[in-house]
Amino acid sequence: PGARILATLTLALHLLHGTHAAIGPTGNMYIVNEDVSPDGFARSAVVARSVPATDPTPATVSIPGVLVQGNKGDNFQLNVVNQLSDTTMLKTTSIHWHGFFQAGSSWADGPAFVTQCPVASGDSFLYNFNVPDQAGTFWYHSHLSTQYCDGLRGPFVVYDSSDPHLSLYDIDNADTVITLEDWYHIVAPQNAAIPTPDSTLINGKGRYAGGPTSPLSVINVESNKRYRFRLVSMSCDPNFTFSIDGHSLLVIEADAVN
């Protein structure tokens, strides 16, 4: 109560500039601890990256987690490598691929202690599943306690070359994915049962009341182009109301249903 959540989305008329690293339909997903400050407050977090913890490349900082992408009909083979070491948060993990039917592959669905044991630090687990008849905007997240509130969550997009709405937009790529997250300054194991978010993040950037003027997310667009924005709510607790000032939004898909 009393906490103020501030988030702003700016649309600018410039050339597109990439914001999301991506893997898929096959690849390694490294789960690591990383010092982050998405709203200007520094803390350790649990993040999903496309490169291991030993790679210090700044471009790999991943709040939200690395984008997973592929096409309808793909076989996804995602090898989750656990490199967690921070004892203030959970060191084991599992990943749930939110929204996928997992027909014939329920073992790859991810709920810890239901379909699998958690992946221990230093170990890996290969999630191998087919997506024969689904396309749209999904997400993935830790399915071990409240670990995803510490950052382990990211977008997952399955494209469809036969999308019935292809004629409605000109651009649909990694740059038009928009993620919404609640963010907390206290690690999840030490937080209250129903905590109040310190900030809201759009594509991993936000501000909190009384904090610094940290950078906000910018989605660069060109005039006279039609964009398919893939909006993903990856919230631990709150619901979001989303709008873009001066623009109307046409919803053409929700939870992989056109």
C-alpha atoms as a PDB file:
ATOM      1  CA  PRO A   1       0.000   0.000   0.000  1.00  0.00           C
ATOM      2  CA  GLY A   2       1.195   3.465  -0.824  1.00  0.00           C
ATOM      3  CA  ALA A   3       3.772   2.223  -3.311  1.00  0.00           C
ATOM      4  CA  ARG A   4       3.601   3.987  -6.644  1.00  0.00           C
ATOM      5  CA  ILE A   5       4.243   2.040  -9.834  1.00  0.00           C
ATOM      6  CA  LEU A   6       5.550   4.013 -12.793  1.00  0.00           C
ATOM      7  CA  ALA A   7       5.985   2.688 -16.313  1.00  0.00           C
ATOM      8  CA  THR A   8       6.130   4.497 -19.634  1.00  0.00           C
ATOM      9  CA  LEU A   9       6.185   3.270 -23.216  1.00  0.00           C
ATOM     10  CA  THR A  10       7.553   5.740 -25.753  1.00  0.00           C
ATOM     11  CA  LEU A  11       6.951   5.398 -29.478  1.00  0.00           C
ATOM     12  CA  ALA A  12       9.533   7.230 -31.610  1.00  0.00           C
ATOM     13  CA  LEU A  13       9.716   7.624 -35.382  1.00  0.00           C
ATOM     14  CA  HIS A  14      13.124   6.178 -36.181  1.00  0.00           C
ATOM     15  CA  LEU A  15      14.594   3.046 -37.681  1.00  0.00           C
ATOM     16  CA  LEU A  16      14.056  -0.156 -35.779  1.00  0.00           C
ATOM     17  CA  HIS A  17      16.787  -1.186 -33.373  1.00  0.00           C
ATOM     18  CA  GLY A  18      17.005  -4.689 -31.913  1.00  0.00           C
ATOM     19  CA  THR A  19      16.320  -5.130 -28.207  1.00  0.00           C
ATOM     20  CA  HIS A  20      15.941  -8.882 -27.722  1.00  0.00           C
ATOM     21  CA  ALA A  21      18.524 -11.635 -27.952  1.00  0.00           C
ATOM     22  CA  ALA A  22      16.874 -14.866 -29.086  1.00  0.00           C
ATOM     23  CA  ILE A  23      17.288 -18.631 -29.173  1.00  0.00           C
ATOM     24  CA  GLY A  24      15.219 -21.406 -30.714  1.00  0.00           C
ATOM     25  CA  PRO A  25      13.894 -23.750 -31.751  1.00  0.00           C
ATOM     26  CA  THR A  26      17.031 -25.434 -30.385  1.00  0.00           C
ATOM     27  CA  GLY A  27      19.675 -24.006 -28.093  1.00  0.00           C
ATOM     28  CA  ASN A  28      21.068 -23.637 -24.604  1.00  0.00           C
ATOM     29  CA  MET A  29      19.341 -21.501 -21.998  1.00  0.00           C
ATOM     30  CA  TYR A  30      21.684 -20.614 -19.142  1.00  0.00           C
ATOM     31  CA  ILE A  31      20.081 -19.859 -15.783  1.00  0.00           C
ATOM     32  CA  VAL A  32      22.464 -17.591 -13.894  1.00  0.00           C
ATOM     33  CA  ASN A  33      22.643 -15.077 -11.067  1.00  0.00           C
ATOM     34  CA  GLU A  34      23.332 -11.597 -12.312  1.00  0.00           C
ATOM     35  CA  ASP A  35      23.533  -8.150 -10.737  1.00  0.00           C
ATOM     36  CA  VAL A  36      20.825  -6.061 -12.388  1.00  0.00           C
ATOM     37  CA  SER A  37      19.246  -2.635 -11.909  1.00  0.00           C
ATOM     38  CA  PRO A  38      16.281  -2.505 -14.316  1.00  0.00           C
ATOM     39  CA  ASP A  39      14.642   0.353 -12.396  1.00  0.00           C
ATOM     40  CA  GLY A  40      17.812   1.916 -11.002  1.00  0.00           C
ATOM     41  CA  PHE A  41      17.922  -0.226  -7.844  1.00  0.00           C
ATOM     42  CA  ALA A  42      20.780  -2.736  -7.867  1.00  0.00           C
ATOM     43  CA  ARG A  43      20.203  -6.305  -6.721  1.00  0.00           C
ATOM     44  CA  SER A  44      21.091  -9.874  -7.619  1.00  0.00           C
ATOM     45  CA  ALA A  45      18.537 -11.702  -9.755  1.00  0.00           C
ATOM     46  CA  VAL A  46      17.852 -15.028 -11.445  1.00  0.00           C
ATOM     47  CA  VAL A  47      17.965 -14.613 -15.218  1.00  0.00           C
ATOM     48  CA  ALA A  48      17.798 -16.697 -18.382  1.00  0.00           C
ATOM     49  CA  ARG A  49      20.528 -15.951 -20.934  1.00  0.00           C
ATOM     50  CA  SER A  50      21.758 -17.293 -24.240  1.00  0.00           C
ATOM     51  CA  VAL A  51      25.358 -17.345 -22.977  1.00  0.00           C
ATOM     52  CA  PRO A  52      26.905 -18.875 -19.835  1.00  0.00           C
ATOM     53  CA  ALA A  53      27.660 -17.073 -16.585  1.00  0.00           C
ATOM     54  CA  THR A  54      31.345 -16.885 -17.533  1.00  0.00           C
ATOM     55  CA  ASP A  55      30.527 -14.618 -20.498  1.00  0.00           C
ATOM     56  CA  PRO A  56      30.647 -10.990 -19.255  1.00  0.00           C
ATOM     57  CA  THR A  57      29.310  -9.449 -22.493  1.00  0.00           C
ATOM     58  CA  PRO A  58      27.085  -6.501 -21.438  1.00  0.00           C
ATOM     59  CA  ALA A  59      24.632  -7.218 -24.270  1.00  0.00           C
ATOM     60  CA  THR A  60      23.717 -10.487 -22.581  1.00  0.00           C
ATOM     61  CA  VAL A  61      22.136  -8.828 -19.524  1.00  0.00           C
ATOM     62  CA  SER A  62      18.690 -10.349 -19.624  1.00  0.00           C
ATOM     63  CA  ILE A  63      15.742  -8.822 -17.816  1.00  0.00           C
ATOM     64  CA  PRO A  64      13.437 -10.147 -19.142  1.00  0.00           C
ATOM     65  CA  GLY A  65      14.903 -13.514 -20.073  1.00  0.00           C
ATOM     66  CA  VAL A  66      16.155 -14.394 -23.534  1.00  0.00           C
ATOM     67  CA  LEU A  67      13.446 -14.545 -26.206  1.00  0.00           C
ATOM     68  CA  VAL A  68      12.623 -18.062 -27.413  1.00  0.00           C
ATOM     69  CA  GLN A  69      11.247 -18.184 -30.940  1.00  0.00           C
ATOM     70  CA  GLY A  70      10.368 -20.669 -33.650  1.00  0.00           C
ATOM     71  CA  ASN A  71       7.705 -21.595 -36.177  1.00  0.00           C
ATOM     72  CA  LYS A  72       4.491 -23.563 -36.056  1.00  0.00           C
ATOM     73  CA  GLY A  73       5.361 -27.224 -36.516  1.00  0.00           C
ATOM     74  CA  ASP A  74       8.835 -26.944 -34.971  1.00  0.00           C
ATOM     75  CA  ASN A  75      10.397 -29.400 -32.581  1.00  0.00           C
ATOM     76  CA  PHE A  76      11.827 -27.384 -29.676  1.00  0.00           C
ATOM     77  CA  GLN A  77      14.919 -28.726 -27.948  1.00  0.00           C
ATOM     78  CA  LEU A  78      15.819 -26.287 -25.191  1.00  0.00           C
ATOM     79  CA  ASN A  79      18.668 -27.331 -22.933  1.00  0.00           C
ATOM     80  CA  VAL A  80      18.352 -25.528 -19.600  1.00  0.00           C
ATOM     81  CA  VAL A  81      21.744 -25.225 -17.882  1.00  0.00           C
ATOM     82  CA  ASN A  82      21.602 -24.317 -14.181  1.00  0.00           C
ATOM     83  CA  GLN A  83      24.540 -22.104 -13.126  1.00  0.00           C
ATOM     84  CA  LEU A  84      22.908 -20.568 -10.044  1.00  0.00           C
ATOM     85  CA  SER A  85      25.117 -19.835  -7.032  1.00  0.00           C
ATOM     86  CA  ASP A  86      23.431 -17.096  -4.937  1.00  0.00           C
ATOM     87  CA  THR A  87      22.255 -18.681  -1.674  1.00  0.00           C
ATOM     88  CA  THR A  88      19.858 -15.806  -0.878  1.00  0.00           C
ATOM     89  CA  MET A  89      17.582 -17.228  -3.597  1.00  0.00           C
ATOM     90  CA  LEU A  90      16.650 -20.702  -4.794  1.00  0.00           C
ATOM     91  CA  LYS A  91      19.549 -22.521  -6.459  1.00  0.00           C
ATOM     92  CA  THR A  92      17.534 -25.308  -8.079  1.00  0.00           C
ATOM     93  CA  THR A  93      15.106 -24.557 -10.900  1.00  0.00           C
ATOM     94  CA  SER A  94      12.619 -25.804 -13.474  1.00  0.00           C
ATOM     95  CA  ILE A  95      11.063 -24.098 -16.501  1.00  0.00           C
ATOM     96  CA  HIS A  96       7.393 -24.138 -17.513  1.00  0.00           C
ATOM     97  CA  TRP A  97       6.571 -23.287 -21.136  1.00  0.00           C
ATOM     98  CA  HIS A  98       3.349 -21.422 -20.506  1.00  0.00           C
ATOM     99  CA  GLY A  99       0.438 -22.125 -22.847  1.00  0.00           C
ATOM    100  CA  PHE A 100       1.734 -25.140 -24.755  1.00  0.00           C
ATOM    101  CA  PHE A 101      -0.422 -28.274 -24.915  1.00  0.00           C
ATOM    102  CA  GLN A 102       2.559 -30.644 -24.508  1.00  0.00           C
ATOM    103  CA  ALA A 103       0.626 -33.491 -26.146  1.00  0.00           C
ATOM    104  CA  GLY A 104       2.767 -36.579 -25.671  1.00  0.00           C
ATOM    105  CA  SER A 105       5.433 -34.634 -23.778  1.00  0.00           C
ATOM    106  CA  SER A 106       3.895 -33.835 -20.399  1.00  0.00           C
ATOM    107  CA  TRP A 107       7.255 -34.672 -18.811  1.00  0.00           C
ATOM    108  CA  ALA A 108       8.608 -31.480 -20.455  1.00  0.00           C
ATOM    109  CA  ASP A 109       5.919 -29.194 -18.998  1.00  0.00           C
ATOM    110  CA  GLY A 110       8.149 -28.073 -16.141  1.00  0.00           C
ATOM    111  CA  PRO A 111       6.237 -28.016 -12.819  1.00  0.00           C
ATOM    112  CA  ALA A 112       8.754 -28.989 -10.146  1.00  0.00           C
ATOM    113  CA  PHE A 113       7.806 -32.063  -8.090  1.00  0.00           C
ATOM    114  CA  VAL A 114       4.905 -32.774 -10.493  1.00  0.00           C
ATOM    115  CA  THR A 115       6.454 -33.721 -13.836  1.00  0.00           C
ATOM    116  CA  GLN A 116      10.119 -33.478 -12.867  1.00  0.00           C
ATOM    117  CA  CYS A 117      12.589 -32.994 -10.060  1.00  0.00           C
ATOM    118  CA  PRO A 118      14.130 -29.507  -9.926  1.00  0.00           C
ATOM    119  CA  VAL A 119      17.342 -29.093 -11.909  1.00  0.00           C
ATOM    120  CA  ALA A 120      20.231 -28.833  -9.436  1.00  0.00           C
ATOM    121  CA  SER A 121      22.945 -26.201  -9.715  1.00  0.00           C
ATOM    122  CA  GLY A 122      25.637 -27.550 -12.020  1.00  0.00           C
ATOM    123  CA  ASP A 123      23.202 -29.805 -13.885  1.00  0.00           C
ATOM    124  CA  SER A 124      21.138 -29.392 -17.049  1.00  0.00           C
ATOM    125  CA  PHE A 125      17.812 -30.648 -18.385  1.00  0.00           C
ATOM    126  CA  LEU A 126      16.758 -30.963 -22.037  1.00  0.00           C
ATOM    127  CA  TYR A 127      13.159 -29.940 -22.681  1.00  0.00           C
ATOM    128  CA  ASN A 128      12.158 -31.618 -25.947  1.00  0.00           C
ATOM    129  CA  PHE A 129       8.628 -30.992 -27.233  1.00  0.00           C
ATOM    130  CA  ASN A 130       6.727 -30.478 -30.475  1.00  0.00           C
ATOM    131  CA  VAL A 131       4.434 -27.581 -31.377  1.00  0.00           C
ATOM    132  CA  PRO A 132       2.436 -29.010 -34.297  1.00  0.00           C
ATOM    133  CA  ASP A 133      -0.700 -26.887 -34.195  1.00  0.00           C
ATOM    134  CA  GLN A 134      -0.122 -23.819 -32.021  1.00  0.00           C
ATOM    135  CA  ALA A 135       1.159 -20.374 -32.953  1.00  0.00           C
ATOM    136  CA  GLY A 136       1.135 -17.050 -31.180  1.00  0.00           C
ATOM    137  CA  THR A 137       2.561 -15.278 -28.161  1.00  0.00           C
ATOM    138  CA  PHE A 138       3.568 -17.315 -25.118  1.00  0.00           C
ATOM    139  CA  TRP A 139       6.029 -17.026 -22.248  1.00  0.00           C
ATOM    140  CA  TYR A 140       8.154 -19.218 -20.020  1.00  0.00           C
ATOM    141  CA  HIS A 141       8.959 -18.974 -16.335  1.00  0.00           C
ATOM    142  CA  SER A 142      10.397 -20.828 -13.392  1.00  0.00           C
ATOM    143  CA  HIS A 143       7.893 -23.271 -11.931  1.00  0.00           C
ATOM    144  CA  LEU A 144       9.664 -23.653  -8.587  1.00  0.00           C
ATOM    145  CA  SER A 145       8.034 -21.690  -5.761  1.00  0.00           C
ATOM    146  CA  THR A 146       8.294 -17.906  -6.353  1.00  0.00           C
ATOM    147  CA  GLN A 147      11.600 -18.027  -8.235  1.00  0.00           C
ATOM    148  CA  TYR A 148      10.164 -16.305 -11.290  1.00  0.00           C
ATOM    149  CA  CYS A 149       9.540 -13.205  -9.158  1.00  0.00           C
ATOM    150  CA  ASP A 150      13.343 -12.928  -8.925  1.00  0.00           C
ATOM    151  CA  GLY A 151      13.572 -12.571 -12.716  1.00  0.00           C
ATOM    152  CA  LEU A 152      13.384 -16.026 -14.285  1.00  0.00           C
ATOM    153  CA  ARG A 153      10.774 -15.370 -16.981  1.00  0.00           C
ATOM    154  CA  GLY A 154      10.805 -14.435 -20.638  1.00  0.00           C
ATOM    155  CA  PRO A 155       8.812 -14.257 -23.903  1.00  0.00           C
ATOM    156  CA  PHE A 156       8.236 -17.165 -26.283  1.00  0.00           C
ATOM    157  CA  VAL A 157       6.917 -16.550 -29.821  1.00  0.00           C
ATOM    158  CA  VAL A 158       5.773 -19.141 -32.353  1.00  0.00           C
ATOM    159  CA  TYR A 159       5.334 -17.649 -35.824  1.00  0.00           C
ATOM    160  CA  ASP A 160       2.860 -18.914 -38.418  1.00  0.00           C
ATOM    161  CA  SER A 161       3.579 -18.421 -42.135  1.00  0.00           C
ATOM    162  CA  SER A 162      -0.155 -18.969 -42.729  1.00  0.00           C
ATOM    163  CA  ASP A 163      -1.310 -16.470 -40.103  1.00  0.00           C
ATOM    164  CA  PRO A 164      -4.853 -15.399 -41.102  1.00  0.00           C
ATOM    165  CA  HIS A 165      -4.014 -11.834 -40.037  1.00  0.00           C
ATOM    166  CA  LEU A 166      -0.886 -11.398 -42.181  1.00  0.00           C
ATOM    167  CA  SER A 167      -2.576  -8.712 -44.270  1.00  0.00           C
ATOM    168  CA  LEU A 168      -3.115  -6.521 -41.208  1.00  0.00           C
ATOM    169  CA  TYR A 169       0.524  -5.748 -40.384  1.00  0.00           C
ATOM    170  CA  ASP A 170       3.862  -5.040 -42.053  1.00  0.00           C
ATOM    171  CA  ILE A 171       6.321  -5.813 -39.251  1.00  0.00           C
ATOM    172  CA  ASP A 172       6.356  -8.636 -36.717  1.00  0.00           C
ATOM    173  CA  ASN A 173       9.732  -9.569 -35.245  1.00  0.00           C
ATOM    174  CA  ALA A 174      11.752  -9.643 -32.037  1.00  0.00           C
ATOM    175  CA  ASP A 175      11.705  -5.840 -31.876  1.00  0.00           C
ATOM    176  CA  THR A 176       7.922  -5.713 -31.539  1.00  0.00           C
ATOM    177  CA  VAL A 177       7.702  -7.956 -28.472  1.00  0.00           C
ATOM    178  CA  ILE A 178       6.621  -5.964 -25.394  1.00  0.00           C
ATOM    179  CA  THR A 179       6.960  -7.548 -21.954  1.00  0.00           C
ATOM    180  CA  LEU A 180       5.300  -6.305 -18.760  1.00  0.00           C
ATOM    181  CA  GLU A 181       6.710  -7.364 -15.382  1.00  0.00           C
ATOM    182  CA  ASP A 182       6.281  -6.515 -11.733  1.00  0.00           C
ATOM    183  CA  TRP A 183       9.637  -5.990 -10.014  1.00  0.00           C
ATOM    184  CA  TYR A 184      10.743  -6.310  -6.406  1.00  0.00           C
ATOM    185  CA  HIS A 185      13.785  -4.978  -4.547  1.00  0.00           C
ATOM    186  CA  ILE A 186      13.697  -7.786  -1.959  1.00  0.00           C
ATOM    187  CA  VAL A 187      14.553 -11.326  -3.036  1.00  0.00           C
ATOM    188  CA  ALA A 188      11.495 -13.586  -3.193  1.00  0.00           C
ATOM    189  CA  PRO A 189      12.399 -15.932  -0.292  1.00  0.00           C
ATOM    190  CA  GLN A 190      12.568 -12.915   2.052  1.00  0.00           C
ATOM    191  CA  ASN A 191       9.543 -11.030   0.708  1.00  0.00           C
ATOM    192  CA  ALA A 192       6.050 -10.836   2.182  1.00  0.00           C
ATOM    193  CA  ALA A 193       3.397 -13.413   1.334  1.00  0.00           C
ATOM    194  CA  ILE A 194       1.611 -10.904  -0.915  1.00  0.00           C
ATOM    195  CA  PRO A 195       4.264  -8.264  -1.659  1.00  0.00           C
ATOM    196  CA  THR A 196       3.690  -4.902  -3.283  1.00  0.00           C
ATOM    197  CA  PRO A 197       5.789  -4.407  -6.439  1.00  0.00           C
ATOM    198  CA  ASP A 198       8.417  -1.686  -6.249  1.00  0.00           C
ATOM    199  CA  SER A 199       8.080  -0.938  -9.966  1.00  0.00           C
ATOM    200  CA  THR A 200       6.672  -2.089 -13.282  1.00  0.00           C
ATOM    201  CA  LEU A 201       9.089  -2.978 -16.068  1.00  0.00           C
ATOM    202  CA  ILE A 202       8.407  -2.637 -19.789  1.00  0.00           C
ATOM    203  CA  ASN A 203      10.957  -4.655 -21.742  1.00  0.00           C
ATOM    204  CA  GLY A 204      13.080  -4.807 -18.616  1.00  0.00           C
ATOM    205  CA  LYS A 205      13.123  -1.090 -17.793  1.00  0.00           C
ATOM    206  CA  GLY A 206      11.179   1.022 -15.319  1.00  0.00           C
ATOM    207  CA  ARG A 207      11.318   3.436 -12.383  1.00  0.00           C
ATOM    208  CA  TYR A 208      10.276   3.362  -8.754  1.00  0.00           C
ATOM    209  CA  ALA A 209       8.964   6.089  -6.461  1.00  0.00           C
ATOM    210  CA  GLY A 210      11.834   8.178  -5.111  1.00  0.00           C
ATOM    211  CA  GLY A 211      14.356   6.429  -7.318  1.00  0.00           C
ATOM    212  CA  PRO A 212      16.684   7.727 -10.031  1.00  0.00           C
ATOM    213  CA  THR A 213      15.593   8.766 -13.501  1.00  0.00           C
ATOM    214  CA  SER A 214      16.628   5.467 -15.019  1.00  0.00           C
ATOM    215  CA  PRO A 215      16.157   4.781 -18.752  1.00  0.00           C
ATOM    216  CA  LEU A 216      12.739   3.729 -19.994  1.00  0.00           C
ATOM    217  CA  SER A 217      11.912   1.361 -22.815  1.00  0.00           C
ATOM    218  CA  VAL A 218      11.689   2.831 -26.307  1.00  0.00           C
ATOM    219  CA  ILE A 219      10.061   1.025 -29.228  1.00  0.00           C
ATOM    220  CA  ASN A 220      11.313   2.606 -32.438  1.00  0.00           C
ATOM    221  CA  VAL A 221       8.912   2.640 -35.377  1.00  0.00           C
ATOM    222  CA  GLU A 222       8.631   4.074 -38.881  1.00  0.00           C
ATOM    223  CA  SER A 223       5.682   6.189 -39.949  1.00  0.00           C
ATOM    224  CA  ASN A 224       3.136   4.579 -42.288  1.00  0.00           C
ATOM    225  CA  LYS A 225       4.104   1.091 -41.161  1.00  0.00           C
ATOM    226  CA  ARG A 226       1.738  -1.296 -39.384  1.00  0.00           C
ATOM    227  CA  TYR A 227       3.188  -3.165 -36.436  1.00  0.00           C
ATOM    228  CA  ARG A 228       2.126  -6.338 -34.713  1.00  0.00           C
ATOM    229  CA  PHE A 229       3.036  -5.788 -31.070  1.00  0.00           C
ATOM    230  CA  ARG A 230       3.217  -9.001 -29.075  1.00  0.00           C
ATOM    231  CA  LEU A 231       2.250  -7.943 -25.564  1.00  0.00           C
ATOM    232  CA  VAL A 232       3.234 -10.390 -22.821  1.00  0.00           C
ATOM    233  CA  SER A 233       2.168  -9.990 -19.197  1.00  0.00           C
ATOM    234  CA  MET A 234       4.744 -11.921 -17.162  1.00  0.00           C
ATOM    235  CA  SER A 235       3.484 -10.833 -13.774  1.00  0.00           C
ATOM    236  CA  CYS A 236       4.052 -12.628 -10.484  1.00  0.00           C
ATOM    237  CA  ASP A 237       0.987 -11.008  -8.940  1.00  0.00           C
ATOM    238  CA  PRO A 238      -0.707  -7.847 -10.349  1.00  0.00           C
ATOM    239  CA  ASN A 239      -2.741  -7.424 -13.516  1.00  0.00           C
ATOM    240  CA  PHE A 240      -1.857  -4.631 -15.931  1.00  0.00           C
ATOM    241  CA  THR A 241      -3.944  -2.202 -17.964  1.00  0.00           C
ATOM    242  CA  PHE A 242      -2.034  -1.326 -21.133  1.00  0.00           C
ATOM    243  CA  SER A 243      -2.585   1.455 -23.672  1.00  0.00           C
ATOM    244  CA  ILE A 244      -0.598   3.679 -26.020  1.00  0.00           C
ATOM    245  CA  ASP A 245      -1.623   7.339 -25.876  1.00  0.00           C
ATOM    246  CA  GLY A 246      -3.200   8.572 -29.085  1.00  0.00           C
ATOM    247  CA  HIS A 247      -3.475   5.114 -30.629  1.00  0.00           C
ATOM    248  CA  SER A 248      -6.176   2.482 -30.836  1.00  0.00           C
ATOM    249  CA  LEU A 249      -5.152  -1.155 -30.495  1.00  0.00           C
ATOM    250  CA  LEU A 250      -6.725  -3.974 -32.499  1.00  0.00           C
ATOM    251  CA  VAL A 251      -6.461  -7.323 -30.713  1.00  0.00           C
ATOM    252  CA  ILE A 252      -5.888 -10.105 -33.269  1.00  0.00           C
ATOM    253  CA  GLU A 253      -4.653 -12.899 -30.993  1.00  0.00           C
ATOM    254  CA  ALA A 254      -4.776 -13.800 -27.316  1.00  0.00           C
ATOM    255  CA  ASP A 255      -3.137 -16.834 -25.733  1.00  0.00           C
ATOM    256  CA  ALA A 256      -2.462 -18.352 -29.165  1.00  0.00           C
ATOM    257  CA  VAL A 257      -6.104 -18.005 -30.250  1.00  0.00           C
ATOM    258  CA  ASN A 258      -6.734 -15.810 -33.312  1.00  0.00           C
END
